[in-house]
């Protein structure tokens, strides 16, 4: 899940704090201060539950939508369009 988060951050071109904020709003429908969660991820690699659920949601959409990464040059090393 860590590598998928890093690839998603790269694909969306956002930092981890912004991504956690999006995930929190998606999960709970309201904004929150996610700074501590972002710091915890950077230091210890701990993903909050709401971020894991959001990543799984995005991963499910990725399998349904065949071309989320339109530019092949932007695919991170070790990743392919197929998975």
N, C-alpha and C. Protein backbone atom coordinates (compact mmCIF):
# COMPACT_ATOMS: atom_id res chain seq x y z
N UNK A 1 0.83 -1.19 0.00
CA UNK A 1 0.00 0.00 0.00
C UNK A 1 0.87 1.25 0.00
N UNK A 2 2.05 1.16 0.62
CA UNK A 2 2.97 2.31 0.66
C UNK A 2 3.38 2.71 -0.76
N UNK A 3 3.76 1.72 -1.56
CA UNK A 3 4.18 2.03 -2.93
C UNK A 3 3.03 2.57 -3.76
N UNK A 4 1.83 2.04 -3.53
CA UNK A 4 0.68 2.54 -4.27
C UNK A 4 0.39 3.99 -3.88
N UNK A 5 0.56 4.33 -2.60
CA UNK A 5 0.39 5.72 -2.18
C UNK A 5 1.41 6.62 -2.87
N UNK A 6 2.66 6.20 -2.88
CA UNK A 6 3.70 7.02 -3.53
C UNK A 6 3.40 7.20 -5.01
N UNK A 7 2.99 6.15 -5.68
CA UNK A 7 2.64 6.25 -7.10
C UNK A 7 1.43 7.15 -7.31
N UNK A 8 0.46 7.07 -6.40
CA UNK A 8 -0.74 7.92 -6.50
C UNK A 8 -0.39 9.38 -6.27
N UNK A 9 0.47 9.65 -5.30
CA UNK A 9 0.91 11.03 -5.07
C UNK A 9 1.60 11.58 -6.31
N UNK A 10 2.42 10.77 -6.93
CA UNK A 10 3.12 11.18 -8.15
C UNK A 10 2.14 11.40 -9.30
N UNK A 11 1.20 10.48 -9.44
CA UNK A 11 0.23 10.57 -10.54
C UNK A 11 -0.67 11.79 -10.39
N UNK A 12 -1.11 12.05 -9.15
CA UNK A 12 -2.00 13.20 -8.91
C UNK A 12 -1.23 14.51 -8.74
N UNK A 13 0.09 14.38 -8.55
CA UNK A 13 0.96 15.54 -8.36
C UNK A 13 0.54 16.38 -7.15
N UNK A 14 0.35 15.67 -6.03
CA UNK A 14 0.02 16.32 -4.76
C UNK A 14 0.96 15.80 -3.68
N UNK A 15 1.05 16.53 -2.57
CA UNK A 15 1.85 16.05 -1.45
C UNK A 15 0.97 15.20 -0.54
N UNK A 16 1.59 14.53 0.41
CA UNK A 16 0.86 13.57 1.24
C UNK A 16 -0.19 14.26 2.11
N UNK A 17 0.10 15.45 2.58
CA UNK A 17 -0.88 16.16 3.42
C UNK A 17 -2.14 16.52 2.62
N UNK A 18 -1.94 16.97 1.39
CA UNK A 18 -3.10 17.29 0.54
C UNK A 18 -3.89 16.03 0.25
N UNK A 19 -3.18 14.93 -0.03
CA UNK A 19 -3.86 13.66 -0.32
C UNK A 19 -4.66 13.19 0.89
N UNK A 20 -4.07 13.26 2.08
CA UNK A 20 -4.79 12.86 3.28
C UNK A 20 -6.02 13.74 3.51
N UNK A 21 -5.89 15.02 3.20
CA UNK A 21 -7.04 15.93 3.34
C UNK A 21 -8.16 15.50 2.39
N UNK A 22 -7.80 15.18 1.13
CA UNK A 22 -8.81 14.70 0.16
C UNK A 22 -9.45 13.41 0.66
N UNK A 23 -8.64 12.49 1.17
CA UNK A 23 -9.14 11.20 1.64
C UNK A 23 -10.09 11.39 2.83
N UNK A 24 -9.74 12.30 3.73
CA UNK A 24 -10.57 12.55 4.90
C UNK A 24 -11.93 13.12 4.49
N UNK A 25 -11.89 14.06 3.57
CA UNK A 25 -13.16 14.64 3.09
C UNK A 25 -13.99 13.59 2.37
N UNK A 26 -13.34 12.75 1.57
CA UNK A 26 -14.06 11.67 0.87
C UNK A 26 -14.72 10.73 1.88
N UNK A 27 -13.99 10.38 2.94
CA UNK A 27 -14.47 9.38 3.90
C UNK A 27 -15.52 9.94 4.86
N UNK A 28 -15.29 11.16 5.37
CA UNK A 28 -16.15 11.69 6.42
C UNK A 28 -17.01 12.88 6.00
N UNK A 29 -16.77 13.43 4.81
CA UNK A 29 -17.59 14.52 4.31
C UNK A 29 -17.33 15.87 4.93
N UNK A 30 -16.19 16.01 5.60
CA UNK A 30 -15.85 17.30 6.21
C UNK A 30 -14.32 17.42 6.27
N UNK A 31 -13.82 18.64 6.24
CA UNK A 31 -12.36 18.83 6.31
C UNK A 31 -11.85 18.63 7.73
N UNK A 32 -10.57 18.32 7.83
CA UNK A 32 -9.93 18.16 9.15
C UNK A 32 -8.45 18.48 9.01
N UNK A 33 -7.82 18.73 10.14
CA UNK A 33 -6.38 18.95 10.16
C UNK A 33 -5.71 17.57 10.15
N UNK A 34 -5.03 17.26 9.06
CA UNK A 34 -4.40 15.95 8.89
C UNK A 34 -2.88 16.04 8.97
N UNK A 35 -2.40 17.16 9.48
CA UNK A 35 -0.95 17.37 9.55
C UNK A 35 -0.24 16.27 10.35
N UNK A 36 -0.81 15.92 11.50
CA UNK A 36 -0.18 14.88 12.34
C UNK A 36 -0.16 13.53 11.63
N UNK A 37 -1.22 13.22 10.88
CA UNK A 37 -1.24 11.97 10.12
C UNK A 37 -0.16 11.98 9.04
N UNK A 38 0.03 13.12 8.38
CA UNK A 38 1.06 13.22 7.35
C UNK A 38 2.45 13.07 7.95
N UNK A 39 2.68 13.68 9.09
CA UNK A 39 3.98 13.56 9.76
C UNK A 39 4.20 12.12 10.20
N UNK A 40 3.17 11.49 10.73
CA UNK A 40 3.28 10.10 11.16
C UNK A 40 3.61 9.18 9.99
N UNK A 41 3.04 9.46 8.82
CA UNK A 41 3.36 8.66 7.64
C UNK A 41 4.81 8.88 7.20
N UNK A 42 5.23 10.15 7.20
CA UNK A 42 6.60 10.44 6.78
C UNK A 42 7.64 9.80 7.70
N UNK A 43 7.39 9.82 9.00
CA UNK A 43 8.37 9.31 9.96
C UNK A 43 8.28 7.80 10.15
N UNK A 44 7.03 7.28 10.31
CA UNK A 44 6.86 5.89 10.68
C UNK A 44 6.23 5.02 9.59
N UNK A 45 5.73 5.65 8.52
CA UNK A 45 5.09 4.88 7.46
C UNK A 45 3.70 4.38 7.82
N UNK A 46 3.05 5.04 8.80
CA UNK A 46 1.72 4.62 9.24
C UNK A 46 0.67 5.33 8.40
N UNK A 47 -0.16 4.53 7.74
CA UNK A 47 -1.26 5.08 6.94
C UNK A 47 -2.53 5.07 7.77
N UNK A 48 -3.22 6.21 7.86
CA UNK A 48 -4.49 6.22 8.58
C UNK A 48 -5.54 5.40 7.82
N UNK A 49 -6.49 4.87 8.55
CA UNK A 49 -7.51 4.00 7.97
C UNK A 49 -8.27 4.68 6.83
N UNK A 50 -8.61 5.95 7.01
CA UNK A 50 -9.36 6.66 5.96
C UNK A 50 -8.55 6.76 4.67
N UNK A 51 -7.22 6.90 4.78
CA UNK A 51 -6.38 6.98 3.59
C UNK A 51 -6.30 5.63 2.90
N UNK A 52 -6.22 4.55 3.67
CA UNK A 52 -6.20 3.20 3.08
C UNK A 52 -7.49 2.95 2.32
N UNK A 53 -8.62 3.30 2.92
CA UNK A 53 -9.91 3.10 2.25
C UNK A 53 -10.01 3.94 0.98
N UNK A 54 -9.49 5.15 1.01
CA UNK A 54 -9.51 6.00 -0.18
C UNK A 54 -8.60 5.43 -1.27
N UNK A 55 -7.45 4.92 -0.89
CA UNK A 55 -6.55 4.30 -1.86
C UNK A 55 -7.21 3.08 -2.50
N UNK A 56 -7.87 2.27 -1.69
CA UNK A 56 -8.57 1.10 -2.24
C UNK A 56 -9.69 1.54 -3.18
N UNK A 57 -10.37 2.62 -2.83
CA UNK A 57 -11.40 3.18 -3.71
C UNK A 57 -10.79 3.62 -5.04
N UNK A 58 -9.68 4.34 -4.98
CA UNK A 58 -9.01 4.79 -6.20
C UNK A 58 -8.48 3.61 -7.01
N UNK A 59 -7.99 2.60 -6.33
CA UNK A 59 -7.47 1.41 -7.01
C UNK A 59 -8.61 0.70 -7.75
N UNK A 60 -9.78 0.64 -7.14
CA UNK A 60 -10.94 0.04 -7.81
C UNK A 60 -11.33 0.81 -9.04
N UNK A 61 -11.31 2.15 -8.95
CA UNK A 61 -11.62 2.98 -10.12
C UNK A 61 -10.58 2.80 -11.20
N UNK A 62 -9.34 2.59 -10.81
CA UNK A 62 -8.28 2.44 -11.79
C UNK A 62 -8.49 1.19 -12.64
N UNK A 63 -9.03 0.14 -12.03
CA UNK A 63 -9.29 -1.07 -12.79
C UNK A 63 -10.49 -0.90 -13.72
N UNK A 64 -11.40 0.01 -13.37
CA UNK A 64 -12.57 0.25 -14.21
C UNK A 64 -12.26 1.22 -15.35
N UNK A 65 -11.37 2.16 -15.13
CA UNK A 65 -11.01 3.16 -16.14
C UNK A 65 -9.68 2.75 -16.74
N UNK A 66 -9.62 2.42 -18.02
CA UNK A 66 -8.40 1.84 -18.59
C UNK A 66 -7.22 2.79 -18.71
N UNK A 67 -7.43 4.11 -18.75
CA UNK A 67 -6.32 5.00 -19.03
C UNK A 67 -6.29 6.19 -18.08
N UNK A 68 -5.90 5.95 -16.82
CA UNK A 68 -5.79 7.07 -15.88
C UNK A 68 -4.48 7.81 -16.03
N UNK A 69 -3.48 7.18 -16.64
CA UNK A 69 -2.19 7.82 -16.84
C UNK A 69 -2.01 7.99 -18.35
N UNK A 70 -2.39 9.15 -18.90
CA UNK A 70 -2.37 9.31 -20.34
C UNK A 70 -0.96 9.38 -20.95
N UNK A 71 0.02 9.82 -20.18
CA UNK A 71 1.36 9.99 -20.72
C UNK A 71 2.25 8.82 -20.26
N UNK A 72 2.67 7.93 -21.16
CA UNK A 72 3.49 6.79 -20.75
C UNK A 72 4.81 7.20 -20.12
N UNK A 73 5.30 8.37 -20.41
CA UNK A 73 6.57 8.83 -19.83
C UNK A 73 6.41 9.15 -18.34
N UNK A 74 5.17 9.32 -17.87
CA UNK A 74 4.92 9.71 -16.49
C UNK A 74 4.69 8.50 -15.57
N UNK A 75 4.73 7.28 -16.11
CA UNK A 75 4.54 6.09 -15.29
C UNK A 75 5.79 5.88 -14.43
N UNK A 76 5.64 5.76 -13.09
CA UNK A 76 6.80 5.56 -12.23
C UNK A 76 7.55 4.28 -12.59
N UNK A 77 8.84 4.26 -12.31
CA UNK A 77 9.69 3.11 -12.59
C UNK A 77 9.13 1.89 -11.87
N UNK A 78 9.02 0.77 -12.59
CA UNK A 78 8.52 -0.46 -12.00
C UNK A 78 7.01 -0.62 -12.09
N UNK A 79 6.31 0.39 -12.58
CA UNK A 79 4.87 0.31 -12.74
C UNK A 79 4.51 0.26 -14.21
N UNK A 80 3.43 -0.40 -14.54
CA UNK A 80 2.94 -0.44 -15.91
C UNK A 80 1.50 0.00 -15.90
N UNK A 81 0.95 0.23 -17.04
CA UNK A 81 -0.46 0.60 -17.13
C UNK A 81 -1.36 -0.54 -16.66
N UNK A 82 -0.91 -1.76 -16.78
CA UNK A 82 -1.74 -2.92 -16.43
C UNK A 82 -1.79 -3.13 -14.93
N UNK A 83 -0.92 -2.52 -14.17
CA UNK A 83 -0.99 -2.75 -12.73
C UNK A 83 0.28 -2.48 -12.07
